[in-house]
Amino acid sequence: MNQSRHESPHILAYIMEIDKAIRNGEYPNAAKMNKKMGWTISRSTFLRYMDILRTTYNAPVEFDFTKNGYRYTDSTFFIQQVMLKEGELLTLSMILPLLDQYKNTPLEASFKNLMRKLMDMLPDSVLVDSSFINNEVHFITDPITKLEEGVFETVLKATKLHRTLQLEYKTSQDTTYSVREFNPYHIICQKGSWYLLGFSYNSNAVRLYAMPRIRMCRITEKKFFIPHHFKIEKHIDPEMGVWNNSGNSFKVEIEFAASLKTYVTEREWHKDQMMKENSDGTVSLSFETNQIDQTAAWILSFAGGAKILNPPELRQQVREAAKKILALHA
């Protein structure tokens, strides 16, 4: 798509907000958008933006006289627009080796196609370090879970459009699938595994679904709105994980052995961490998290090099896990 004189970042910001309002079923017009966003655009300016939507983005937009606002005649339409600086595009061009971790997943073709499009936008004079081109940089990643064909694309589209999903799902304890309806709020990737966070009609509560356990997934005509009181940080901890969140937050305090000093201090383990090097060579680390199970698994990975000072619940959980490990290897 050739960039026209209309598509300055300032005007594009208006258009993106209008597109969002149309997709959310708000039937926007100049007055509604001015009230919602605090704008002061005139009716003629708003109509010019609608013309840009039609001509530049081929948006199937029309005025609904009963709602006094605009709507899309195709409810699945949304603007697909890349807004990146040249330097950001150069950065993207140098991470192609990272895409290897998505081999044999639904994302592989999509990501590679996206990278080709973005790289085509770079000027011919930009040079890329040959070490990246020649695959002299390698990445060791976590194992990738397998998804049923079409699941990721369907989930992504439903999340974007705020449309309810109908799907078949089974938990880790189930042996059979059951039909469920689900409002997808967020897609989350944790160490190579994909999850879907949203409202489960089956549980009448916010739940986390593992995407490899989803099949026969389709988008329904039912639209949903994410509640204003929903806060994703109450359900996940980006540093620690996404599973088995009790809703409570814990202050974790750990003392690492002196032999791990360099390894521990050269990393940032949590965005809210407090770290202290002690006189005996040990390292104290503290942070808050709502992921007690995932934190326990992380501590066990240090094979006895991490001593839990607080909370008692975490110390007990690690102690029980250690007993099971000893029993299995007695």
Protein backbone atom coordinates (compact mmCIF):
# COMPACT_ATOMS: atom_id res chain seq x y z
CA MET A 1 0.00 0.00 0.00
CA ASN A 2 1.43 3.38 -1.01
CA GLN A 3 1.39 5.99 1.73
CA SER A 4 -0.76 8.98 0.76
CA ARG A 5 -0.48 12.54 1.99
CA HIS A 6 -3.44 11.84 4.31
CA GLU A 7 -1.63 9.19 6.31
CA SER A 8 0.44 11.29 8.66
CA PRO A 9 0.88 9.70 12.09
CA HIS A 10 -1.50 12.29 13.55
CA ILE A 11 -4.36 11.52 11.15
CA LEU A 12 -3.67 7.78 11.31
CA ALA A 13 -4.12 7.90 15.09
CA TYR A 14 -7.63 9.32 14.57
CA ILE A 15 -8.46 6.67 11.98
CA MET A 16 -7.27 3.81 14.18
CA GLU A 17 -9.49 5.01 17.05
CA ILE A 18 -12.47 5.34 14.70
CA ASP A 19 -11.84 1.83 13.36
CA LYS A 20 -11.75 0.50 16.93
CA ALA A 21 -15.03 2.24 17.78
CA ILE A 22 -16.73 0.78 14.69
CA ARG A 23 -15.50 -2.74 15.52
CA ASN A 24 -16.73 -2.35 19.10
CA GLY A 25 -20.25 -1.62 17.81
CA GLU A 26 -20.30 2.01 19.03
CA TYR A 27 -21.61 3.41 15.71
CA PRO A 28 -19.30 6.45 15.86
CA ASN A 29 -19.87 9.87 14.35
CA ALA A 30 -18.02 13.15 14.87
CA ALA A 31 -19.95 14.13 17.97
CA LYS A 32 -19.64 10.70 19.62
CA MET A 33 -15.88 10.49 19.00
CA ASN A 34 -15.32 14.06 20.25
CA LYS A 35 -17.14 13.19 23.48
CA LYS A 36 -15.40 9.85 23.94
CA MET A 37 -11.85 10.90 23.04
CA GLY A 38 -11.89 14.60 23.89
CA TRP A 39 -11.37 15.55 20.25
CA THR A 40 -12.56 18.76 18.57
CA ILE A 41 -12.79 17.56 14.97
CA SER A 42 -15.53 18.91 12.71
CA ARG A 43 -18.13 16.83 10.90
CA SER A 44 -16.39 17.53 7.58
CA THR A 45 -13.04 16.35 8.99
CA PHE A 46 -14.68 13.19 10.32
CA LEU A 47 -16.23 12.53 6.90
CA ARG A 48 -12.79 12.97 5.33
CA TYR A 49 -11.43 10.30 7.69
CA MET A 50 -14.28 8.00 6.71
CA ASP A 51 -13.36 8.58 3.07
CA ILE A 52 -9.77 7.56 3.85
CA LEU A 53 -11.09 4.39 5.48
CA ARG A 54 -13.02 3.54 2.32
CA THR A 55 -10.43 4.48 -0.32
CA THR A 56 -7.09 3.74 1.34
CA TYR A 57 -8.03 0.75 3.51
CA ASN A 58 -10.96 -0.62 1.45
CA ALA A 59 -13.09 -0.61 4.58
CA PRO A 60 -16.71 -1.82 4.04
CA VAL A 61 -18.10 1.10 6.01
CA GLU A 62 -21.59 2.58 5.76
CA PHE A 63 -23.78 4.97 7.74
CA ASP A 64 -26.54 3.41 9.81
CA PHE A 65 -29.41 5.93 10.08
CA THR A 66 -31.13 3.99 12.86
CA LYS A 67 -27.98 4.19 15.04
CA ASN A 68 -26.81 7.61 13.79
CA GLY A 69 -23.31 6.30 13.21
CA TYR A 70 -21.05 4.16 11.08
CA ARG A 71 -20.67 0.39 10.96
CA TYR A 72 -18.83 -2.24 8.93
CA THR A 73 -20.96 -4.35 6.62
CA ASP A 74 -18.35 -7.09 7.08
CA SER A 75 -18.05 -7.67 10.84
CA THR A 76 -14.68 -9.43 10.43
CA PHE A 77 -12.93 -6.38 8.93
CA PHE A 78 -10.21 -4.50 10.78
CA ILE A 79 -7.30 -2.31 9.68
CA GLN A 80 -4.03 -4.15 9.33
CA GLN A 81 -1.48 -1.36 9.48
CA VAL A 82 2.22 -1.51 10.32
CA MET A 83 3.51 1.58 12.11
CA LEU A 84 7.22 1.06 12.61
CA LYS A 85 10.27 3.26 12.34
CA GLU A 86 13.10 2.32 9.99
CA GLY A 87 15.33 1.41 12.93
CA GLU A 88 12.68 -0.95 14.27
CA LEU A 89 12.39 -2.61 10.89
CA LEU A 90 16.16 -3.14 10.85
CA THR A 91 15.91 -4.80 14.25
CA LEU A 92 13.20 -7.12 12.95
CA SER A 93 15.34 -8.04 9.97
CA MET A 94 18.02 -9.33 12.35
CA ILE A 95 15.88 -11.76 14.35
CA LEU A 96 15.09 -14.27 11.62
CA PRO A 97 16.96 -17.06 13.49
CA LEU A 98 14.44 -16.70 16.32
CA LEU A 99 11.70 -17.88 13.98
CA ASP A 100 13.20 -21.38 14.01
CA GLN A 101 11.49 -22.01 17.34
CA TYR A 102 8.13 -21.76 15.55
CA LYS A 103 8.84 -24.51 13.02
CA ASN A 104 5.91 -26.86 12.48
CA THR A 105 3.52 -24.49 14.25
CA PRO A 106 0.73 -22.38 12.70
CA LEU A 107 2.85 -19.30 13.33
CA GLU A 108 5.81 -20.25 11.16
CA ALA A 109 4.37 -19.27 7.77
CA SER A 110 2.64 -16.17 9.15
CA PHE A 111 5.74 -14.85 10.87
CA LYS A 112 8.00 -15.49 7.90
CA ASN A 113 5.54 -13.82 5.54
CA LEU A 114 5.36 -10.83 7.90
CA MET A 115 9.15 -10.61 8.06
CA ARG A 116 9.41 -10.64 4.26
CA LYS A 117 6.90 -7.79 3.97
CA LEU A 118 8.66 -5.72 6.62
CA MET A 119 12.09 -6.32 5.13
CA ASP A 120 10.79 -5.26 1.69
CA MET A 121 10.04 -1.87 3.23
CA LEU A 122 13.69 -1.28 4.16
CA PRO A 123 15.75 1.04 1.92
CA ASP A 124 18.34 -0.65 -0.28
CA SER A 125 21.18 1.16 1.50
CA VAL A 126 20.54 -0.57 4.84
CA LEU A 127 23.07 -3.33 5.58
CA VAL A 128 22.57 -6.25 7.94
CA ASP A 129 25.42 -7.94 9.82
CA SER A 130 26.31 -11.11 7.91
CA SER A 131 26.46 -13.17 11.12
CA PHE A 132 22.67 -13.10 11.21
CA ILE A 133 22.29 -13.88 7.51
CA ASN A 134 24.70 -16.83 7.70
CA ASN A 135 22.97 -18.38 10.73
CA GLU A 136 26.07 -18.00 12.89
CA VAL A 137 23.83 -16.98 15.76
CA HIS A 138 21.85 -19.79 17.36
CA PHE A 139 19.03 -19.83 19.90
CA ILE A 140 18.15 -22.66 22.30
CA THR A 141 14.46 -22.39 23.10
CA ASP A 142 11.89 -24.22 25.20
CA PRO A 143 9.87 -27.01 23.57
CA ILE A 144 6.91 -25.73 21.55
CA THR A 145 3.46 -27.20 22.14
CA LYS A 146 1.50 -28.39 19.11
CA LEU A 147 -1.80 -26.74 18.18
CA GLU A 148 -4.59 -28.12 16.02
CA GLU A 149 -4.55 -26.57 12.56
CA GLY A 150 -6.53 -23.33 12.41
CA VAL A 151 -6.88 -22.89 16.19
CA PHE A 152 -4.34 -20.10 16.60
CA GLU A 153 -5.62 -18.07 13.66
CA THR A 154 -9.25 -18.42 14.82
CA VAL A 155 -8.41 -17.49 18.41
CA LEU A 156 -6.35 -14.48 17.32
CA LYS A 157 -9.17 -13.18 15.11
CA ALA A 158 -11.81 -13.66 17.81
CA THR A 159 -9.61 -11.85 20.35
CA LYS A 160 -9.13 -8.96 17.95
CA LEU A 161 -12.82 -8.69 17.09
CA HIS A 162 -14.15 -9.33 20.61
CA ARG A 163 -16.27 -12.25 19.44
CA THR A 164 -17.23 -15.31 21.50
CA LEU A 165 -15.64 -18.63 20.58
CA GLN A 166 -17.33 -22.01 20.51
CA LEU A 167 -14.80 -24.79 20.99
CA GLU A 168 -14.13 -28.25 22.32
CA TYR A 169 -11.77 -28.39 25.30
CA LYS A 170 -10.38 -30.87 27.79
CA THR A 171 -8.43 -30.20 30.98
CA SER A 172 -5.26 -32.06 31.93
CA GLN A 173 -7.41 -34.41 34.03
CA ASP A 174 -10.09 -35.04 31.39
CA THR A 175 -10.00 -37.92 28.91
CA THR A 176 -12.71 -36.51 26.62
CA TYR A 177 -13.52 -33.12 25.11
CA SER A 178 -16.56 -31.02 26.03
CA VAL A 179 -18.19 -28.19 24.06
CA ARG A 180 -17.69 -24.77 25.63
CA GLU A 181 -18.16 -21.07 24.90
CA PHE A 182 -15.34 -18.67 25.72
CA ASN A 183 -14.72 -14.92 25.47
CA PRO A 184 -11.01 -14.51 24.61
CA TYR A 185 -9.42 -11.51 26.38
CA HIS A 186 -5.69 -12.15 25.94
CA ILE A 187 -3.34 -14.61 24.22
CA ILE A 188 -0.28 -15.49 26.29
CA CYS A 189 2.89 -17.38 25.38
CA GLN A 190 4.83 -18.85 28.28
CA LYS A 191 8.11 -20.51 27.36
CA GLY A 192 6.88 -21.93 24.08
CA SER A 193 3.37 -22.83 25.29
CA TRP A 194 0.29 -20.87 24.21
CA TYR A 195 -2.60 -19.98 26.52
CA LEU A 196 -5.89 -18.15 26.21
CA LEU A 197 -7.14 -15.99 29.09
CA GLY A 198 -10.78 -14.94 29.16
CA PHE A 199 -14.29 -15.60 30.41
CA SER A 200 -15.48 -19.19 30.45
CA TYR A 201 -19.26 -19.62 30.25
CA ASN A 202 -18.75 -23.17 31.50
CA SER A 203 -17.20 -21.94 34.77
CA ASN A 204 -18.91 -18.52 34.81
CA ALA A 205 -15.52 -17.01 35.65
CA VAL A 206 -12.23 -15.90 34.14
CA ARG A 207 -10.19 -18.94 33.23
CA LEU A 208 -6.94 -19.85 31.46
CA TYR A 209 -7.19 -22.38 28.62
CA ALA A 210 -4.17 -24.22 27.22
CA MET A 211 -4.43 -23.80 23.45
CA PRO A 212 -3.06 -27.29 22.60
CA ARG A 213 -6.17 -28.68 24.35
CA ILE A 214 -8.54 -26.75 22.08
CA ARG A 215 -10.09 -28.26 18.96
CA MET A 216 -13.09 -27.63 16.66
CA CYS A 217 -12.78 -23.91 17.30
CA ARG A 218 -15.05 -21.39 15.55
CA ILE A 219 -16.06 -17.74 15.90
CA THR A 220 -19.71 -17.06 16.76
CA GLU A 221 -21.77 -13.95 16.01
CA LYS A 222 -21.91 -13.07 19.72
CA LYS A 223 -19.88 -9.95 20.64
CA PHE A 224 -18.46 -9.31 24.09
CA PHE A 225 -16.84 -6.46 26.01
CA ILE A 226 -13.97 -6.88 28.44
CA PRO A 227 -15.19 -5.69 31.87
CA HIS A 228 -13.69 -2.41 33.05
CA HIS A 229 -12.63 -4.02 36.34
CA PHE A 230 -10.62 -6.74 34.55
CA LYS A 231 -6.87 -6.38 35.20
CA ILE A 232 -4.58 -8.88 33.50
CA GLU A 233 -1.88 -8.43 36.16
CA LYS A 234 -4.24 -10.03 38.69
CA HIS A 235 -4.21 -13.24 36.66
CA ILE A 236 -0.62 -13.59 35.45
CA ASP A 237 2.92 -12.62 36.36
CA PRO A 238 4.90 -12.07 33.13
CA GLU A 239 8.16 -13.01 34.86
CA MET A 240 6.99 -16.12 36.71
CA GLY A 241 4.08 -17.61 34.77
CA VAL A 242 0.37 -18.00 34.20
CA TRP A 243 -0.85 -21.20 35.89
CA ASN A 244 -2.65 -21.90 39.20
CA ASN A 245 -3.06 -18.31 40.30
CA SER A 246 -4.86 -18.12 43.66
CA GLY A 247 -5.45 -14.40 43.30
CA ASN A 248 -3.20 -13.66 46.27
CA SER A 249 0.13 -11.88 46.00
CA PHE A 250 3.16 -13.14 47.92
CA LYS A 251 6.45 -11.47 48.83
CA VAL A 252 9.13 -14.00 47.93
CA GLU A 253 12.50 -13.84 49.72
CA ILE A 254 15.31 -16.13 48.60
CA GLU A 255 18.97 -16.54 49.55
CA PHE A 256 21.21 -17.96 46.83
CA ALA A 257 24.44 -19.84 47.55
CA ALA A 258 27.74 -18.02 47.05
CA SER A 259 28.59 -20.37 44.18
CA LEU A 260 25.65 -18.90 42.23
CA LYS A 261 26.56 -15.26 42.87
CA THR A 262 27.68 -14.38 39.34
CA TYR A 263 24.87 -16.33 37.69
CA VAL A 264 22.20 -14.69 39.82
CA THR A 265 23.45 -11.11 39.82
CA GLU A 266 23.99 -10.88 36.06
CA ARG A 267 20.28 -11.46 35.40
CA GLU A 268 17.03 -9.64 36.04
CA TRP A 269 14.66 -12.27 37.39
CA HIS A 270 11.67 -10.03 38.05
CA LYS A 271 10.80 -6.44 37.14
CA ASP A 272 10.07 -5.62 40.82
CA GLN A 273 13.06 -7.44 42.27
CA MET A 274 15.29 -6.21 45.09
CA MET A 275 18.77 -7.78 45.09
CA LYS A 276 21.54 -7.59 47.68
CA GLU A 277 25.01 -9.13 47.75
CA ASN A 278 25.83 -10.31 51.28
CA SER A 279 29.23 -10.21 52.97
CA ASP A 280 29.49 -14.02 52.99
CA GLY A 281 29.09 -14.17 49.19
CA THR A 282 25.43 -15.19 49.20
CA VAL A 283 22.83 -13.16 47.33
CA SER A 284 19.43 -12.12 48.66
CA LEU A 285 16.58 -11.66 46.18
CA SER A 286 13.01 -10.55 46.84
CA PHE A 287 9.98 -9.74 44.69
CA GLU A 288 6.18 -10.02 44.72
CA THR A 289 4.25 -12.52 42.62
CA ASN A 290 0.88 -14.26 42.43
CA GLN A 291 2.43 -17.38 40.90
CA ILE A 292 3.39 -19.55 43.86
CA ASP A 293 3.46 -22.85 41.89
CA GLN A 294 5.61 -21.48 39.08
CA THR A 295 7.96 -19.85 41.59
CA ALA A 296 8.37 -23.19 43.39
CA ALA A 297 9.28 -24.90 40.10
CA TRP A 298 11.80 -22.14 39.35
CA ILE A 299 13.46 -22.49 42.76
CA LEU A 300 13.71 -26.27 42.37
CA SER A 301 15.65 -25.70 39.13
CA PHE A 302 18.59 -24.43 41.23
CA ALA A 303 19.07 -27.94 42.69
CA GLY A 304 19.48 -26.86 46.29
CA GLY A 305 21.30 -23.61 45.57
CA ALA A 306 18.35 -21.44 46.59
CA LYS A 307 17.09 -21.18 50.19
CA ILE A 308 13.52 -19.89 50.70
CA LEU A 309 13.19 -17.41 53.54
CA ASN A 310 9.58 -16.40 52.82
CA PRO A 311 6.70 -17.07 52.42
CA PRO A 312 6.09 -20.24 54.45
CA GLU A 313 3.62 -21.53 51.82
CA LEU A 314 6.34 -21.50 49.18
CA ARG A 315 8.86 -23.18 51.48
CA GLN A 316 6.35 -25.94 52.27
CA GLN A 317 5.53 -26.50 48.61
CA VAL A 318 9.20 -26.89 47.68
CA ARG A 319 9.73 -29.20 50.66
CA GLU A 320 6.87 -31.47 49.52
CA ALA A 321 8.20 -31.51 45.94
CA ALA A 322 11.67 -32.44 47.20
CA LYS A 323 10.20 -35.36 49.18
CA LYS A 324 8.51 -36.68 46.06
CA ILE A 325 11.75 -36.41 44.08
CA LEU A 326 13.64 -38.32 46.80
CA ALA A 327 10.94 -41.00 46.93
CA LEU A 328 11.13 -41.52 43.18
CA HIS A 329 14.92 -41.88 43.29
CA ALA A 330 15.30 -43.85 46.51
